[in-house]
């Protein structure tokens, strides 16, 4: 894998970088020496079977899980040092969960406003104007006063994406954002992520949608048993994988009609 300052012949500092990251839960080693760099405007997709470590990796980057060894950098600064304020780090990252994690007692508008106020310290009036514009952008105009329970799963996930994006994070972390959705709702959420990609938002996403990874990602990483076995351009990893485990994983998906 290329170092943090190289990529396609262009020298760029990584927005996010993981060096030798390990994480265990008891005797179960979930991440085993992960090295990965995500550069400005780059979208990196993590693929792999359930239990391969994708969600844990994202939670470690957002400091929701404490790593056992290694370092994670944000804009060249170590964020996994015990002296670092995790809340301040999370304000610079936008994590979207599988299960939306919206505040059920707040309206759609207030969920997004809260993300802006917490992330940017904006005044309520300014935050509300920005939130309305974002909800319109993500196809949610007219839903501003609805509570999350009154929205479809796809609409709730789009609110969650709008809330995370509202704070203008340095990078978006998307954890299987379509896995909890009915198939007919997947497309509208993927369209929202495509819009972020078109705008040049830096993204690290875990996904089981191989066609989406092929379309949106600049780089695909295959996780297996806690190791990042293969990293490369989507066409190479998804069409001509070099590692036997990657080949077996994609073959199983093909046989199941999921590629």
Protein backbone atom coordinates (compact mmCIF):
# COMPACT_ATOMS: atom_id res chain seq x y z
CA UNK A 1 0.00 0.00 0.00
CA UNK A 2 1.22 3.49 -0.78
CA UNK A 3 2.27 5.76 2.06
CA UNK A 4 0.24 8.66 3.44
CA UNK A 5 1.76 11.24 1.13
CA UNK A 6 1.25 9.48 -2.20
CA UNK A 7 -1.61 8.53 -4.43
CA UNK A 8 -2.01 8.56 -8.20
CA UNK A 9 1.21 10.56 -8.48
CA UNK A 10 -0.17 13.39 -6.34
CA UNK A 11 1.24 14.22 -2.91
CA UNK A 12 -1.56 14.75 -0.42
CA UNK A 13 -1.76 14.57 3.34
CA UNK A 14 -4.25 11.96 4.49
CA UNK A 15 -7.38 13.30 6.16
CA UNK A 16 -7.65 10.02 8.05
CA UNK A 17 -4.89 7.48 8.57
CA UNK A 18 -4.70 4.25 10.53
CA UNK A 19 -1.32 2.73 11.36
CA UNK A 20 -1.07 -0.73 12.91
CA UNK A 21 -4.49 -0.48 14.57
CA UNK A 22 -5.51 -3.47 16.67
CA UNK A 23 -8.67 -4.04 18.70
CA UNK A 24 -9.83 -7.00 20.77
CA UNK A 25 -12.95 -7.77 22.76
CA UNK A 26 -11.71 -10.13 25.43
CA UNK A 27 -9.85 -12.91 23.63
CA UNK A 28 -11.49 -12.12 20.29
CA UNK A 29 -9.11 -10.09 18.10
CA UNK A 30 -11.37 -8.01 15.84
CA UNK A 31 -8.81 -5.75 14.12
CA UNK A 32 -5.31 -7.02 13.42
CA UNK A 33 -2.78 -4.39 12.42
CA UNK A 34 -4.89 -2.20 10.12
CA UNK A 35 -3.02 0.28 7.89
CA UNK A 36 -5.19 2.59 5.79
CA UNK A 37 -5.07 6.17 4.48
CA UNK A 38 -8.06 8.22 3.25
CA UNK A 39 -7.07 11.39 1.43
CA UNK A 40 -8.93 14.63 0.73
CA UNK A 41 -12.04 14.13 -1.45
CA UNK A 42 -11.45 10.36 -1.52
CA UNK A 43 -14.13 7.74 -0.88
CA UNK A 44 -12.85 4.45 0.54
CA UNK A 45 -15.28 1.53 0.76
CA UNK A 46 -14.73 -1.35 3.16
CA UNK A 47 -16.21 -4.69 2.11
CA UNK A 48 -16.20 -8.06 3.80
CA UNK A 49 -18.44 -10.60 5.48
CA UNK A 50 -20.38 -9.83 8.64
CA UNK A 51 -17.98 -9.99 11.59
CA UNK A 52 -14.93 -9.06 9.51
CA UNK A 53 -14.37 -5.87 11.52
CA UNK A 54 -15.87 -3.15 9.30
CA UNK A 55 -18.16 -1.55 11.89
CA UNK A 56 -15.58 -1.88 14.64
CA UNK A 57 -13.04 -0.07 12.48
CA UNK A 58 -15.42 2.85 11.94
CA UNK A 59 -16.28 3.01 15.64
CA UNK A 60 -12.57 3.10 16.48
CA UNK A 61 -12.02 6.00 14.07
CA UNK A 62 -14.87 7.90 15.76
CA UNK A 63 -13.36 7.04 19.18
CA UNK A 64 -16.46 5.13 20.25
CA UNK A 65 -14.17 2.15 20.83
CA UNK A 66 -10.70 2.39 22.34
CA UNK A 67 -7.98 0.74 20.27
CA UNK A 68 -5.44 -1.59 21.87
CA UNK A 69 -2.43 -0.65 19.76
CA UNK A 70 -1.45 1.53 16.81
CA UNK A 71 -2.44 5.10 16.01
CA UNK A 72 -5.25 6.91 14.21
CA UNK A 73 -4.57 10.33 12.70
CA UNK A 74 -6.97 13.09 11.67
CA UNK A 75 -5.30 15.74 9.51
CA UNK A 76 -1.92 14.49 10.68
CA UNK A 77 -2.76 14.70 14.41
CA UNK A 78 -2.93 11.59 16.60
CA UNK A 79 -6.49 11.35 17.91
CA UNK A 80 -6.08 8.09 19.83
CA UNK A 81 -3.81 9.60 22.47
CA UNK A 82 -5.55 9.44 25.88
CA UNK A 83 -5.11 13.21 26.28
CA UNK A 84 -7.29 13.96 23.22
CA UNK A 85 -10.89 15.07 23.83
CA UNK A 86 -13.06 12.53 21.96
CA UNK A 87 -16.03 14.91 21.80
CA UNK A 88 -13.93 17.50 19.99
CA UNK A 89 -12.76 14.83 17.54
CA UNK A 90 -16.32 13.65 16.85
CA UNK A 91 -17.30 17.20 15.95
CA UNK A 92 -14.83 16.91 13.07
CA UNK A 93 -16.23 13.57 11.88
CA UNK A 94 -19.72 12.72 10.70
CA UNK A 95 -20.73 9.17 11.66
CA UNK A 96 -23.94 7.70 10.25
CA UNK A 97 -25.05 4.45 11.88
CA UNK A 98 -26.94 1.47 10.47
CA UNK A 99 -29.93 2.22 12.69
CA UNK A 100 -30.24 6.00 12.11
CA UNK A 101 -29.83 7.01 15.81
CA UNK A 102 -32.11 10.02 15.44
CA UNK A 103 -33.60 11.66 18.53
CA UNK A 104 -37.21 10.37 18.55
CA UNK A 105 -38.57 13.28 20.59
CA UNK A 106 -37.24 15.90 18.14
CA UNK A 107 -38.63 16.88 14.76
CA UNK A 108 -36.72 16.17 11.57
CA UNK A 109 -35.68 19.82 11.45
CA UNK A 110 -34.51 19.89 15.06
CA UNK A 111 -32.46 16.72 14.60
CA UNK A 112 -30.48 18.46 11.86
CA UNK A 113 -30.35 21.81 13.69
CA UNK A 114 -28.83 20.05 16.69
CA UNK A 115 -26.05 18.67 14.49
CA UNK A 116 -25.25 22.17 13.23
CA UNK A 117 -25.34 23.85 16.64
CA UNK A 118 -23.16 21.18 18.24
CA UNK A 119 -20.75 20.93 15.34
CA UNK A 120 -20.41 24.61 14.41
CA UNK A 121 -21.78 26.57 17.34
CA UNK A 122 -24.16 28.41 15.01
CA UNK A 123 -27.09 30.50 16.26
CA UNK A 124 -30.51 28.83 16.12
CA UNK A 125 -31.82 31.06 13.34
CA UNK A 126 -28.81 30.46 11.11
CA UNK A 127 -28.76 26.74 11.90
CA UNK A 128 -32.43 26.39 11.05
CA UNK A 129 -31.95 28.07 7.67
CA UNK A 130 -29.08 25.70 6.87
CA UNK A 131 -31.07 22.68 8.09
CA UNK A 132 -34.06 23.52 5.88
CA UNK A 133 -31.80 23.84 2.86
CA UNK A 134 -30.18 20.48 3.61
CA UNK A 135 -33.49 18.69 4.08
CA UNK A 136 -34.65 20.07 0.74
CA UNK A 137 -31.41 18.93 -0.86
CA UNK A 138 -31.92 15.38 0.44
CA UNK A 139 -35.52 15.22 -0.76
CA UNK A 140 -37.17 15.88 2.59
CA UNK A 141 -38.87 19.21 1.97
CA UNK A 142 -42.25 19.26 3.72
CA UNK A 143 -41.10 16.78 6.35
CA UNK A 144 -39.43 19.33 8.64
CA UNK A 145 -42.00 19.02 11.45
CA UNK A 146 -42.34 15.24 11.34
CA UNK A 147 -40.97 13.04 14.12
CA UNK A 148 -38.64 10.22 13.03
CA UNK A 149 -41.24 7.53 13.80
CA UNK A 150 -43.50 9.04 11.12
CA UNK A 151 -40.84 8.69 8.42
CA UNK A 152 -39.89 5.69 6.34
CA UNK A 153 -36.56 4.01 6.98
CA UNK A 154 -35.07 5.60 3.88
CA UNK A 155 -36.25 9.04 4.97
CA UNK A 156 -34.86 8.55 8.47
CA UNK A 157 -31.49 7.53 7.07
CA UNK A 158 -31.43 10.60 4.82
CA UNK A 159 -32.14 12.77 7.86
CA UNK A 160 -29.23 11.07 9.64
CA UNK A 161 -26.94 11.77 6.66
CA UNK A 162 -28.11 15.40 6.52
CA UNK A 163 -27.47 15.78 10.26
CA UNK A 164 -23.95 14.38 10.00
CA UNK A 165 -23.15 16.45 6.92
CA UNK A 166 -24.63 19.63 8.43
CA UNK A 167 -21.62 20.12 10.69
CA UNK A 168 -19.32 20.12 7.62
CA UNK A 169 -17.09 17.34 8.99
CA UNK A 170 -13.61 16.67 7.71
CA UNK A 171 -14.76 13.17 6.82
CA UNK A 172 -18.00 11.20 6.78
CA UNK A 173 -18.07 7.71 8.28
CA UNK A 174 -20.94 5.63 6.89
CA UNK A 175 -21.60 2.31 8.58
CA UNK A 176 -23.70 0.01 6.36
CA UNK A 177 -26.24 2.80 5.89
CA UNK A 178 -28.56 0.63 3.78
CA UNK A 179 -28.46 -2.61 5.76
CA UNK A 180 -31.54 -1.86 7.88
CA UNK A 181 -33.66 -0.79 4.88
CA UNK A 182 -36.17 -2.60 2.75
CA UNK A 183 -34.79 -3.12 -0.79
CA UNK A 184 -37.09 -0.51 -2.34
CA UNK A 185 -35.70 2.18 0.00
CA UNK A 186 -32.02 1.46 -0.61
CA UNK A 187 -31.81 3.49 -3.81
CA UNK A 188 -32.85 6.79 -2.27
CA UNK A 189 -30.16 6.55 0.42
CA UNK A 190 -27.47 5.57 -2.06
CA UNK A 191 -28.47 8.59 -4.16
CA UNK A 192 -27.83 10.83 -1.16
CA UNK A 193 -24.36 9.33 -0.73
CA UNK A 194 -23.67 9.79 -4.45
CA UNK A 195 -24.46 13.49 -4.01
CA UNK A 196 -21.87 13.72 -1.22
CA UNK A 197 -19.32 11.99 -3.41
CA UNK A 198 -20.04 14.37 -6.30
CA UNK A 199 -19.38 17.29 -3.95
CA UNK A 200 -15.98 15.85 -3.04
CA UNK A 201 -16.78 14.86 0.54
CA UNK A 202 -14.09 12.65 2.09
CA UNK A 203 -15.73 9.35 3.06
CA UNK A 204 -14.93 6.05 4.73
CA UNK A 205 -17.84 3.68 4.30
CA UNK A 206 -18.62 0.10 5.15
CA UNK A 207 -21.00 -1.45 2.65
CA UNK A 208 -22.38 -4.75 1.44
CA UNK A 209 -23.55 -3.14 -1.83
CA UNK A 210 -20.83 -4.18 -4.27
CA UNK A 211 -22.27 -2.29 -7.25
CA UNK A 212 -22.39 0.84 -5.14
CA UNK A 213 -18.80 0.38 -3.99
CA UNK A 214 -17.77 -0.01 -7.61
CA UNK A 215 -19.59 3.18 -8.60
CA UNK A 216 -18.75 5.53 -5.74
CA UNK A 217 -15.45 4.44 -4.19
CA UNK A 218 -12.01 5.53 -5.33
CA UNK A 219 -10.52 2.70 -3.29
CA UNK A 220 -11.98 -0.58 -2.01
CA UNK A 221 -10.55 -2.46 0.96
CA UNK A 222 -11.44 -6.08 1.69
CA UNK A 223 -11.51 -7.02 5.38
CA UNK A 224 -11.29 -10.66 6.39
CA UNK A 225 -10.93 -11.95 9.92
CA UNK A 226 -9.82 -8.53 11.15
CA UNK A 227 -7.14 -8.05 8.49
CA UNK A 228 -7.17 -5.69 5.54
CA UNK A 229 -6.20 -8.30 2.96
CA UNK A 230 -6.56 -6.35 -0.26
CA UNK A 231 -6.75 -2.64 -1.11
CA UNK A 232 -6.98 -1.13 -4.56
CA UNK A 233 -9.17 0.51 -7.21
CA UNK A 234 -12.73 -0.88 -7.37
CA UNK A 235 -12.27 -2.49 -10.78
CA UNK A 236 -9.20 -4.37 -9.61
CA UNK A 237 -10.51 -5.53 -6.22
CA UNK A 238 -14.04 -6.35 -7.39
CA UNK A 239 -13.29 -7.70 -10.87
CA UNK A 240 -9.75 -9.08 -10.64
CA UNK A 241 -9.04 -9.71 -6.95
CA UNK A 242 -5.58 -11.04 -6.22
CA UNK A 243 -6.17 -12.60 -2.81
CA UNK A 244 -7.84 -16.04 -2.60
CA UNK A 245 -10.07 -14.90 0.28
CA UNK A 246 -11.31 -11.91 -1.74
CA UNK A 247 -12.02 -14.23 -4.66
CA UNK A 248 -13.97 -16.63 -2.44
CA UNK A 249 -15.96 -13.79 -0.84
CA UNK A 250 -16.98 -12.31 -4.20
CA UNK A 251 -17.75 -15.75 -5.63
CA UNK A 252 -20.17 -16.42 -2.75
CA UNK A 253 -21.89 -13.08 -3.40
CA UNK A 254 -22.12 -13.86 -7.10
CA UNK A 255 -23.68 -17.25 -6.38
CA UNK A 256 -26.18 -15.54 -4.09
CA UNK A 257 -27.01 -12.98 -6.80
CA UNK A 258 -25.68 -10.05 -4.76
CA UNK A 259 -22.98 -8.78 -7.16
